[in-house]
Amino acid sequence: ESGGGLVQAGGSLRLSCAASGRTFGL
């Protein structure tokens, strides 16, 4: 995961999650 942090109320954030290794059949 990535993208976490500190933000003020009412603000926005976008988190990302990169998958690697065996992903066939996910």
PDB file of all heavy atoms in Angstrom:
ATOM      1  N   GLU A   1       0.826  -1.201   0.000  1.00  0.00           N
ATOM      2  CA  GLU A   1       0.000   0.000   0.000  1.00  0.00           C
ATOM      3  C   GLU A   1       0.865   1.257   0.000  1.00  0.00           C
ATOM      4  O   GLU A   1       1.998   1.245   0.482  1.00  0.00           O
ATOM      5  CB  GLU A   1      -0.920   0.032   1.228  1.00  0.00           C
ATOM      6  CG  GLU A   1      -1.801  -1.195   1.397  1.00  0.00           C
ATOM      7  CD  GLU A   1      -1.220  -2.198   2.370  1.00  0.00           C
ATOM      8  OE1 GLU A   1       0.026  -2.245   2.516  1.00  0.00           O
ATOM      9  OE2 GLU A   1      -2.005  -2.937   2.997  1.00  0.00           O
ATOM     10  N   SER A   2       0.291   2.348  -0.494  1.00  0.00           N
ATOM     11  CA  SER A   2       0.927   3.651  -0.445  1.00  0.00           C
ATOM     12  C   SER A   2      -0.145   4.732  -0.499  1.00  0.00           C
ATOM     13  O   SER A   2      -1.289   4.461  -0.859  1.00  0.00           O
ATOM     14  CB  SER A   2       1.922   3.833  -1.594  1.00  0.00           C
ATOM     15  OG  SER A   2       1.270   3.775  -2.848  1.00  0.00           O
ATOM     16  N   GLY A   3       0.227   5.959  -0.141  1.00  0.00           N
ATOM     17  CA  GLY A   3      -0.675   7.089  -0.256  1.00  0.00           C
ATOM     18  C   GLY A   3      -1.238   7.618   1.040  1.00  0.00           C
ATOM     19  O   GLY A   3      -1.948   8.627   1.036  1.00  0.00           O
ATOM     20  N   GLY A   4      -0.962   6.965   2.152  1.00  0.00           N
ATOM     21  CA  GLY A   4      -1.458   7.444   3.426  1.00  0.00           C
ATOM     22  C   GLY A   4      -0.744   8.712   3.859  1.00  0.00           C
ATOM     23  O   GLY A   4       0.288   9.080   3.311  1.00  0.00           O
ATOM     24  N   GLY A   5      -1.307   9.389   4.852  1.00  0.00           N
ATOM     25  CA  GLY A   5      -0.707  10.612   5.350  1.00  0.00           C
ATOM     26  C   GLY A   5      -1.660  11.388   6.216  1.00  0.00           C
ATOM     27  O   GLY A   5      -2.684  10.875   6.668  1.00  0.00           O
ATOM     28  N   LEU A   6      -1.309  12.649   6.456  1.00  0.00           N
ATOM     29  CA  LEU A   6      -2.101  13.559   7.283  1.00  0.00           C
ATOM     30  C   LEU A   6      -2.894  14.498   6.392  1.00  0.00           C
ATOM     31  O   LEU A   6      -2.341  15.105   5.475  1.00  0.00           O
ATOM     32  CB  LEU A   6      -1.186  14.355   8.211  1.00  0.00           C
ATOM     33  CG  LEU A   6      -1.836  15.440   9.070  1.00  0.00           C
ATOM     34  CD1 LEU A   6      -2.809  14.813  10.061  1.00  0.00           C
ATOM     35  CD2 LEU A   6      -0.763  16.244   9.789  1.00  0.00           C
ATOM     36  N   VAL A   7      -4.187  14.636   6.676  1.00  0.00           N
ATOM     37  CA  VAL A   7      -5.053  15.506   5.894  1.00  0.00           C
ATOM     38  C   VAL A   7      -6.068  16.164   6.820  1.00  0.00           C
ATOM     39  O   VAL A   7      -6.441  15.599   7.848  1.00  0.00           O
ATOM     40  CB  VAL A   7      -5.759  14.710   4.768  1.00  0.00           C
ATOM     41  CG1 VAL A   7      -6.716  13.676   5.355  1.00  0.00           C
ATOM     42  CG2 VAL A   7      -6.487  15.638   3.813  1.00  0.00           C
ATOM     43  N   GLN A   8      -6.505  17.369   6.474  1.00  0.00           N
ATOM     44  CA  GLN A   8      -7.516  18.073   7.254  1.00  0.00           C
ATOM     45  C   GLN A   8      -8.903  17.514   6.966  1.00  0.00           C
ATOM     46  O   GLN A   8      -9.162  16.978   5.888  1.00  0.00           O
ATOM     47  CB  GLN A   8      -7.511  19.566   6.932  1.00  0.00           C
ATOM     48  CG  GLN A   8      -6.247  20.294   7.309  1.00  0.00           C
ATOM     49  CD  GLN A   8      -6.345  21.782   7.045  1.00  0.00           C
ATOM     50  OE1 GLN A   8      -6.205  22.595   7.963  1.00  0.00           O
ATOM     51  NE2 GLN A   8      -6.598  22.150   5.801  1.00  0.00           N
ATOM     52  N   ALA A   9      -9.796  17.636   7.931  1.00  0.00           N
ATOM     53  CA  ALA A   9     -11.181  17.226   7.729  1.00  0.00           C
ATOM     54  C   ALA A   9     -11.757  17.919   6.503  1.00  0.00           C
ATOM     55  O   ALA A   9     -11.552  19.116   6.298  1.00  0.00           O
ATOM     56  CB  ALA A   9     -12.014  17.546   8.962  1.00  0.00           C
ATOM     57  N   GLY A  10     -12.469  17.156   5.686  1.00  0.00           N
ATOM     58  CA  GLY A  10     -13.023  17.671   4.446  1.00  0.00           C
ATOM     59  C   GLY A  10     -12.116  17.486   3.249  1.00  0.00           C
ATOM     60  O   GLY A  10     -12.559  17.687   2.108  1.00  0.00           O
ATOM     61  N   GLY A  11     -10.882  17.091   3.480  1.00  0.00           N
ATOM     62  CA  GLY A  11      -9.926  16.894   2.410  1.00  0.00           C
ATOM     63  C   GLY A  11     -10.023  15.527   1.774  1.00  0.00           C
ATOM     64  O   GLY A  11     -10.908  14.731   2.086  1.00  0.00           O
ATOM     65  N   SER A  12      -9.067  15.244   0.875  1.00  0.00           N
ATOM     66  CA  SER A  12      -9.073  14.001   0.105  1.00  0.00           C
ATOM     67  C   SER A  12      -7.706  13.348   0.097  1.00  0.00           C
ATOM     68  O   SER A  12      -6.677  14.011   0.210  1.00  0.00           O
ATOM     69  CB  SER A  12      -9.497  14.269  -1.341  1.00  0.00           C
ATOM     70  OG  SER A  12     -10.802  14.813  -1.421  1.00  0.00           O
ATOM     71  N   LEU A  13      -7.707  12.027  -0.057  1.00  0.00           N
ATOM     72  CA  LEU A  13      -6.505  11.232  -0.247  1.00  0.00           C
ATOM     73  C   LEU A  13      -6.828  10.097  -1.201  1.00  0.00           C
ATOM     74  O   LEU A  13      -7.980   9.650  -1.264  1.00  0.00           O
ATOM     75  CB  LEU A  13      -5.994  10.636   1.064  1.00  0.00           C
ATOM     76  CG  LEU A  13      -5.216  11.517   2.034  1.00  0.00           C
ATOM     77  CD1 LEU A  13      -4.924  10.726   3.311  1.00  0.00           C
ATOM     78  CD2 LEU A  13      -3.925  12.001   1.411  1.00  0.00           C
ATOM     79  N   ARG A  14      -5.825   9.620  -1.930  1.00  0.00           N
ATOM     80  CA  ARG A  14      -5.989   8.436  -2.756  1.00  0.00           C
ATOM     81  C   ARG A  14      -4.955   7.395  -2.360  1.00  0.00           C
ATOM     82  O   ARG A  14      -3.747   7.634  -2.450  1.00  0.00           O
ATOM     83  CB  ARG A  14      -5.852   8.741  -4.253  1.00  0.00           C
ATOM     84  CG  ARG A  14      -6.250   7.538  -5.123  1.00  0.00           C
ATOM     85  CD  ARG A  14      -6.222   7.818  -6.603  1.00  0.00           C
ATOM     86  NE  ARG A  14      -4.880   7.784  -7.151  1.00  0.00           N
ATOM     87  CZ  ARG A  14      -4.594   7.506  -8.423  1.00  0.00           C
ATOM     88  NH1 ARG A  14      -5.589   7.244  -9.274  1.00  0.00           N
ATOM     89  NH2 ARG A  14      -3.348   7.515  -8.837  1.00  0.00           N
ATOM     90  N   LEU A  15      -5.433   6.242  -1.922  1.00  0.00           N
ATOM     91  CA  LEU A  15      -4.570   5.129  -1.569  1.00  0.00           C
ATOM     92  C   LEU A  15      -4.378   4.214  -2.771  1.00  0.00           C
ATOM     93  O   LEU A  15      -5.282   4.047  -3.589  1.00  0.00           O
ATOM     94  CB  LEU A  15      -5.167   4.322  -0.415  1.00  0.00           C
ATOM     95  CG  LEU A  15      -5.525   5.088   0.861  1.00  0.00           C
ATOM     96  CD1 LEU A  15      -6.049   4.115   1.914  1.00  0.00           C
ATOM     97  CD2 LEU A  15      -4.331   5.869   1.379  1.00  0.00           C
ATOM     98  N   SER A  16      -3.191   3.618  -2.866  1.00  0.00           N
ATOM     99  CA  SER A  16      -2.886   2.673  -3.928  1.00  0.00           C
ATOM    100  C   SER A  16      -2.409   1.362  -3.319  1.00  0.00           C
ATOM    101  O   SER A  16      -1.782   1.355  -2.256  1.00  0.00           O
ATOM    102  CB  SER A  16      -1.804   3.219  -4.860  1.00  0.00           C
ATOM    103  OG  SER A  16      -2.210   4.410  -5.484  1.00  0.00           O
ATOM    104  N   CYS A  17      -2.692   0.263  -4.003  1.00  0.00           N
ATOM    105  CA  CYS A  17      -2.222  -1.053  -3.587  1.00  0.00           C
ATOM    106  C   CYS A  17      -1.749  -1.803  -4.817  1.00  0.00           C
ATOM    107  O   CYS A  17      -2.554  -2.123  -5.700  1.00  0.00           O
ATOM    108  CB  CYS A  17      -3.329  -1.828  -2.874  1.00  0.00           C
ATOM    109  SG  CYS A  17      -2.864  -3.514  -2.413  1.00  0.00           S
ATOM    110  N   ALA A  18      -0.455  -2.078  -4.882  1.00  0.00           N
ATOM    111  CA  ALA A  18       0.133  -2.787  -6.003  1.00  0.00           C
ATOM    112  C   ALA A  18       0.311  -4.264  -5.661  1.00  0.00           C
ATOM    113  O   ALA A  18       0.894  -4.598  -4.628  1.00  0.00           O
ATOM    114  CB  ALA A  18       1.477  -2.171  -6.371  1.00  0.00           C
ATOM    115  N   ALA A  19      -0.194  -5.129  -6.522  1.00  0.00           N
ATOM    116  CA  ALA A  19      -0.071  -6.573  -6.341  1.00  0.00           C
ATOM    117  C   ALA A  19       1.037  -7.114  -7.238  1.00  0.00           C
ATOM    118  O   ALA A  19       1.148  -6.735  -8.402  1.00  0.00           O
ATOM    119  CB  ALA A  19      -1.387  -7.271  -6.660  1.00  0.00           C
ATOM    120  N   SER A  20       1.846  -8.011  -6.694  1.00  0.00           N
ATOM    121  CA  SER A  20       2.918  -8.640  -7.460  1.00  0.00           C
ATOM    122  C   SER A  20       2.979 -10.124  -7.123  1.00  0.00           C
ATOM    123  O   SER A  20       2.310 -10.596  -6.213  1.00  0.00           O
ATOM    124  CB  SER A  20       4.263  -7.967  -7.183  1.00  0.00           C
ATOM    125  OG  SER A  20       4.609  -8.078  -5.811  1.00  0.00           O
ATOM    126  N   GLY A  21       3.814 -10.866  -7.867  1.00  0.00           N
ATOM    127  CA  GLY A  21       3.882 -12.302  -7.684  1.00  0.00           C
ATOM    128  C   GLY A  21       2.791 -12.986  -8.482  1.00  0.00           C
ATOM    129  O   GLY A  21       2.490 -12.592  -9.607  1.00  0.00           O
ATOM    130  N   ARG A  22       2.161 -14.005  -7.888  1.00  0.00           N
ATOM    131  CA  ARG A  22       1.103 -14.734  -8.570  1.00  0.00           C
ATOM    132  C   ARG A  22      -0.198 -13.954  -8.505  1.00  0.00           C
ATOM    133  O   ARG A  22      -0.781 -13.817  -7.428  1.00  0.00           O
ATOM    134  CB  ARG A  22       0.906 -16.118  -7.966  1.00  0.00           C
ATOM    135  CG  ARG A  22      -0.211 -16.907  -8.642  1.00  0.00           C
ATOM    136  CD  ARG A  22      -0.533 -18.201  -7.905  1.00  0.00           C
ATOM    137  NE  ARG A  22      -1.637 -18.905  -8.549  1.00  0.00           N
ATOM    138  CZ  ARG A  22      -2.926 -18.706  -8.294  1.00  0.00           C
ATOM    139  NH1 ARG A  22      -3.276 -17.806  -7.381  1.00  0.00           N
ATOM    140  NH2 ARG A  22      -3.856 -19.392  -8.933  1.00  0.00           N
ATOM    141  N   THR A  23      -0.658 -13.442  -9.636  1.00  0.00           N
ATOM    142  CA  THR A  23      -1.918 -12.719  -9.705  1.00  0.00           C
ATOM    143  C   THR A  23      -2.931 -13.387 -10.626  1.00  0.00           C
ATOM    144  O   THR A  23      -4.084 -12.953 -10.675  1.00  0.00           O
ATOM    145  CB  THR A  23      -1.706 -11.270 -10.172  1.00  0.00           C
ATOM    146  OG1 THR A  23      -1.078 -11.268 -11.452  1.00  0.00           O
ATOM    147  CG2 THR A  23      -0.843 -10.509  -9.176  1.00  0.00           C
ATOM    148  N   PHE A  24      -2.532 -14.427 -11.348  1.00  0.00           N
ATOM    149  CA  PHE A  24      -3.456 -15.128 -12.231  1.00  0.00           C
ATOM    150  C   PHE A  24      -4.575 -15.763 -11.408  1.00  0.00           C
ATOM    151  O   PHE A  24      -4.316 -16.439 -10.419  1.00  0.00           O
ATOM    152  CB  PHE A  24      -2.735 -16.197 -13.046  1.00  0.00           C
ATOM    153  CG  PHE A  24      -3.632 -16.952 -13.991  1.00  0.00           C
ATOM    154  CD1 PHE A  24      -3.999 -16.397 -15.199  1.00  0.00           C
ATOM    155  CD2 PHE A  24      -4.110 -18.208 -13.665  1.00  0.00           C
ATOM    156  CE1 PHE A  24      -4.837 -17.082 -16.077  1.00  0.00           C
ATOM    157  CE2 PHE A  24      -4.945 -18.902 -14.527  1.00  0.00           C
ATOM    158  CZ  PHE A  24      -5.308 -18.327 -15.740  1.00  0.00           C
ATOM    159  N   GLY A  25      -5.798 -15.544 -11.827  1.00  0.00           N
ATOM    160  CA  GLY A  25      -6.943 -16.078 -11.116  1.00  0.00           C
ATOM    161  C   GLY A  25      -7.426 -15.229  -9.957  1.00  0.00           C
ATOM    162  O   GLY A  25      -8.310 -15.661  -9.214  1.00  0.00           O
ATOM    163  N   LEU A  26      -6.868 -14.030  -9.794  1.00  0.00           N
ATOM    164  CA  LEU A  26      -7.296 -13.133  -8.731  1.00  0.00           C
ATOM    165  C   LEU A  26      -8.785 -12.830  -8.874  1.00  0.00           C
ATOM    166  O   LEU A  26      -9.240 -12.434  -9.943  1.00  0.00           O
ATOM    167  CB  LEU A  26      -6.477 -11.850  -8.775  1.00  0.00           C
ATOM    168  CG  LEU A  26      -6.744 -10.807  -7.692  1.00  0.00           C
ATOM    169  CD1 LEU A  26      -6.377 -11.357  -6.320  1.00  0.00           C
ATOM    170  CD2 LEU A  26      -5.963  -9.535  -7.984  1.00  0.00           C
TER     171      LEU A  26
END
